[in-house]
Amino acid sequence: MKLSDAIEGRRSVKRFMDKKPDWRKILRAIDAARHAPSAGGYFVTKFILVSDPKKISELSDASQQPFVGKAHYVVAVVTDDSGLVRSYDERGIRYAAQQSGAAIENFLLALTEQKLVTTWVGHFYDEQVKGALDIPENLHVEAIFPIGIETKVKTGVSRKPKLDTLVFFDKWGNKKMVPQIKMSQEAI
């Protein structure tokens, strides 16, 4: 799969087939995550692959989103920003969040390449997730990802913004590049 196909084809899916995905495909996606940039060479993002139905049910309860409980696998992404904070003070917290975001995007694109689907779940009760997965108190749960094989019934609508709504040139609000060309998808 070409990278552009994975980027454009990746979407959030909350309905999965009953068929259990191959766990090795999920590990391949996690492996892709480790190639994300890391501040100061500290890779602070960790992944917990959950297959225990009881723990998945607890994660579903923690997120208050029943579809999480229908997945055969859930991946929790956790960061330990302590090393970055020691090196970069308060900016280390930001660097850890940036690193986890980059790692998660690699993970999501690799899942797409493996023909697996998920959605980024950021709403959950941290303490419940930490309790279910024995995550130490000082670590941060960044997100959880229920993973499955997409159903044949397509759900969801793509709400991707248009390029010309995202790009400014030289200053905030300026939509024209020198020479004066209005930005559009067709212009690139």
Protein backbone atom coordinates (compact mmCIF):
# COMPACT_ATOMS: atom_id res chain seq x y z
CA MET A 1 0.00 0.00 0.00
CA LYS A 2 1.32 3.44 -0.88
CA LEU A 3 1.70 5.88 1.98
CA SER A 4 -0.72 8.34 0.37
CA ASP A 5 -3.34 5.55 0.13
CA ALA A 6 -2.92 4.75 3.83
CA ILE A 7 -3.15 8.43 4.78
CA GLU A 8 -6.23 9.11 2.66
CA GLY A 9 -7.85 5.75 3.43
CA ARG A 10 -7.44 5.85 7.20
CA ARG A 11 -10.68 6.56 8.99
CA SER A 12 -12.26 6.08 12.38
CA VAL A 13 -14.38 2.93 12.62
CA LYS A 14 -16.44 1.80 15.61
CA ARG A 15 -18.05 -1.36 14.19
CA PHE A 16 -16.07 -4.53 13.73
CA MET A 17 -16.63 -7.98 12.29
CA ASP A 18 -16.95 -10.82 14.79
CA LYS A 19 -13.84 -12.40 13.28
CA LYS A 20 -10.76 -11.98 15.47
CA PRO A 21 -7.88 -10.11 13.77
CA ASP A 22 -4.39 -11.59 13.60
CA TRP A 23 -2.55 -10.18 16.64
CA ARG A 24 0.72 -10.19 14.66
CA LYS A 25 -0.69 -7.44 12.42
CA ILE A 26 -1.23 -5.30 15.51
CA LEU A 27 2.36 -5.92 16.60
CA ARG A 28 3.55 -4.84 13.14
CA ALA A 29 1.61 -1.60 13.60
CA ILE A 30 3.17 -1.08 17.03
CA ASP A 31 6.57 -1.72 15.48
CA ALA A 32 5.89 1.12 13.01
CA ALA A 33 5.19 3.42 15.96
CA ARG A 34 8.73 3.10 17.30
CA HIS A 35 10.05 4.87 14.19
CA ALA A 36 8.38 8.15 15.19
CA PRO A 37 10.57 11.11 16.19
CA SER A 38 11.62 11.35 19.82
CA ALA A 39 12.91 14.36 21.73
CA GLY A 40 16.51 13.92 22.84
CA GLY A 41 16.46 10.26 21.82
CA TYR A 42 14.09 9.34 24.70
CA PHE A 43 11.29 7.16 23.37
CA VAL A 44 8.67 7.58 26.08
CA THR A 45 5.65 5.98 24.41
CA LYS A 46 4.65 2.42 25.36
CA PHE A 47 1.85 0.18 24.10
CA ILE A 48 -0.25 -2.36 25.99
CA LEU A 49 -1.97 -4.94 23.75
CA VAL A 50 -5.05 -6.16 25.60
CA SER A 51 -6.83 -9.39 24.61
CA ASP A 52 -8.39 -10.41 27.93
CA PRO A 53 -12.19 -9.96 27.48
CA LYS A 54 -12.61 -8.94 31.14
CA LYS A 55 -10.02 -6.19 30.82
CA ILE A 56 -11.55 -5.05 27.50
CA SER A 57 -14.92 -4.81 29.26
CA GLU A 58 -13.30 -2.70 32.00
CA LEU A 59 -11.81 -0.41 29.34
CA SER A 60 -15.23 -0.11 27.72
CA ASP A 61 -16.69 0.89 31.09
CA ALA A 62 -13.82 3.35 31.71
CA SER A 63 -14.49 5.04 28.38
CA GLN A 64 -18.29 4.85 28.68
CA GLN A 65 -18.29 3.74 25.03
CA PRO A 66 -19.85 0.28 24.53
CA PHE A 67 -18.26 -0.32 21.11
CA VAL A 68 -14.86 -0.60 22.85
CA GLY A 69 -16.11 -3.78 24.53
CA LYS A 70 -16.98 -5.35 21.17
CA ALA A 71 -13.35 -5.39 19.99
CA HIS A 72 -11.22 -8.54 20.31
CA TYR A 73 -8.14 -6.39 20.97
CA VAL A 74 -7.58 -2.97 22.51
CA VAL A 75 -4.29 -1.11 22.56
CA ALA A 76 -3.61 1.39 25.32
CA VAL A 77 -0.92 4.00 24.65
CA VAL A 78 1.00 5.17 27.72
CA THR A 79 3.77 7.72 28.20
CA ASP A 80 6.33 8.28 30.91
CA ASP A 81 7.44 11.90 30.56
CA SER A 82 9.75 11.87 33.61
CA GLY A 83 13.00 11.59 31.59
CA LEU A 84 11.96 14.38 29.25
CA VAL A 85 10.94 16.59 32.18
CA ARG A 86 14.37 16.02 33.77
CA SER A 87 16.05 17.07 30.52
CA TYR A 88 13.69 19.80 29.31
CA ASP A 89 11.77 20.91 32.42
CA GLU A 90 8.10 21.71 31.73
CA ARG A 91 8.59 21.48 27.95
CA GLY A 92 9.24 17.77 28.45
CA ILE A 93 5.51 17.29 29.05
CA ARG A 94 4.76 18.82 25.66
CA TYR A 95 7.50 16.80 23.97
CA ALA A 96 6.07 13.57 25.39
CA ALA A 97 2.61 14.43 24.04
CA GLN A 98 4.08 15.33 20.64
CA GLN A 99 6.04 12.08 20.54
CA SER A 100 3.03 9.98 21.43
CA GLY A 101 0.96 11.74 18.76
CA ALA A 102 3.59 11.01 16.12
CA ALA A 103 3.91 7.38 17.28
CA ILE A 104 0.14 6.96 17.30
CA GLU A 105 -0.14 8.28 13.74
CA ASN A 106 2.48 5.77 12.58
CA PHE A 107 0.51 3.08 14.42
CA LEU A 108 -2.79 4.13 12.80
CA LEU A 109 -1.31 4.22 9.30
CA ALA A 110 0.28 0.80 9.80
CA LEU A 111 -3.07 -0.61 11.00
CA THR A 112 -4.63 0.74 7.80
CA GLU A 113 -1.91 -0.94 5.77
CA GLN A 114 -2.67 -4.21 7.62
CA LYS A 115 -6.38 -3.78 6.73
CA LEU A 116 -7.37 -3.34 10.37
CA VAL A 117 -9.53 -0.53 11.71
CA THR A 118 -9.87 1.42 14.93
CA THR A 119 -10.87 4.76 16.31
CA TRP A 120 -8.93 7.03 18.65
CA VAL A 121 -10.62 6.98 22.06
CA GLY A 122 -9.46 9.87 24.20
CA HIS A 123 -12.43 10.11 26.55
CA PHE A 124 -12.01 7.78 29.53
CA TYR A 125 -11.51 7.81 33.26
CA ASP A 126 -7.74 7.62 33.69
CA GLU A 127 -7.84 5.91 37.07
CA GLN A 128 -10.15 3.16 35.78
CA VAL A 129 -7.87 2.47 32.80
CA LYS A 130 -4.78 2.49 35.02
CA GLY A 131 -6.47 0.15 37.49
CA ALA A 132 -7.60 -2.30 34.80
CA LEU A 133 -4.12 -2.49 33.26
CA ASP A 134 -1.93 -2.04 36.39
CA ILE A 135 -0.42 1.18 34.99
CA PRO A 136 1.64 3.09 37.58
CA GLU A 137 0.13 6.33 38.85
CA ASN A 138 2.94 8.57 37.50
CA LEU A 139 2.39 7.49 33.86
CA HIS A 140 -0.07 9.06 31.41
CA VAL A 141 -2.66 7.14 29.41
CA GLU A 142 -2.73 8.99 26.08
CA ALA A 143 -5.49 7.01 24.33
CA ILE A 144 -7.05 3.61 23.82
CA PHE A 145 -7.69 1.95 20.47
CA PRO A 146 -10.23 -0.86 20.00
CA ILE A 147 -9.02 -2.82 16.97
CA GLY A 148 -10.89 -5.05 14.59
CA ILE A 149 -11.70 -5.97 11.03
CA GLU A 150 -14.14 -3.58 9.38
CA THR A 151 -17.67 -4.78 8.77
CA LYS A 152 -19.01 -4.82 5.25
CA VAL A 153 -21.59 -2.27 6.37
CA LYS A 154 -19.84 1.06 5.94
CA THR A 155 -20.42 3.51 8.74
CA GLY A 156 -19.36 7.06 9.39
CA VAL A 157 -18.87 10.03 7.15
CA SER A 158 -15.47 11.44 6.31
CA ARG A 159 -15.18 14.96 7.68
CA LYS A 160 -11.73 15.83 6.44
CA PRO A 161 -11.16 19.57 6.14
CA LYS A 162 -10.26 21.10 2.80
CA LEU A 163 -6.61 22.08 2.37
CA ASP A 164 -7.40 25.76 1.81
CA THR A 165 -8.97 25.92 5.29
CA LEU A 166 -5.73 24.75 6.94
CA VAL A 167 -2.91 26.70 5.30
CA PHE A 168 -1.83 30.31 5.72
CA PHE A 169 1.20 31.93 4.12
CA ASP A 170 3.72 34.11 5.94
CA LYS A 171 1.21 35.15 8.64
CA TRP A 172 -1.99 34.05 10.33
CA GLY A 173 -5.05 34.44 8.11
CA ASN A 174 -3.18 35.05 4.83
CA LYS A 175 -4.55 32.56 2.28
CA LYS A 176 -2.51 33.82 -0.65
CA MET A 177 1.03 32.85 -1.47
CA VAL A 178 3.44 35.13 -3.25
CA PRO A 179 2.89 35.27 -6.21
CA GLN A 180 -0.78 35.79 -5.44
CA ILE A 181 -2.23 32.30 -5.86
CA LYS A 182 -5.24 31.21 -3.84
CA MET A 183 -4.54 27.90 -2.14
CA SER A 184 -6.67 24.95 -3.23
CA GLN A 185 -6.28 21.20 -3.54
CA GLU A 186 -6.06 21.58 -7.33
CA ALA A 187 -3.13 24.02 -7.05
CA ILE A 188 -0.87 21.32 -5.66
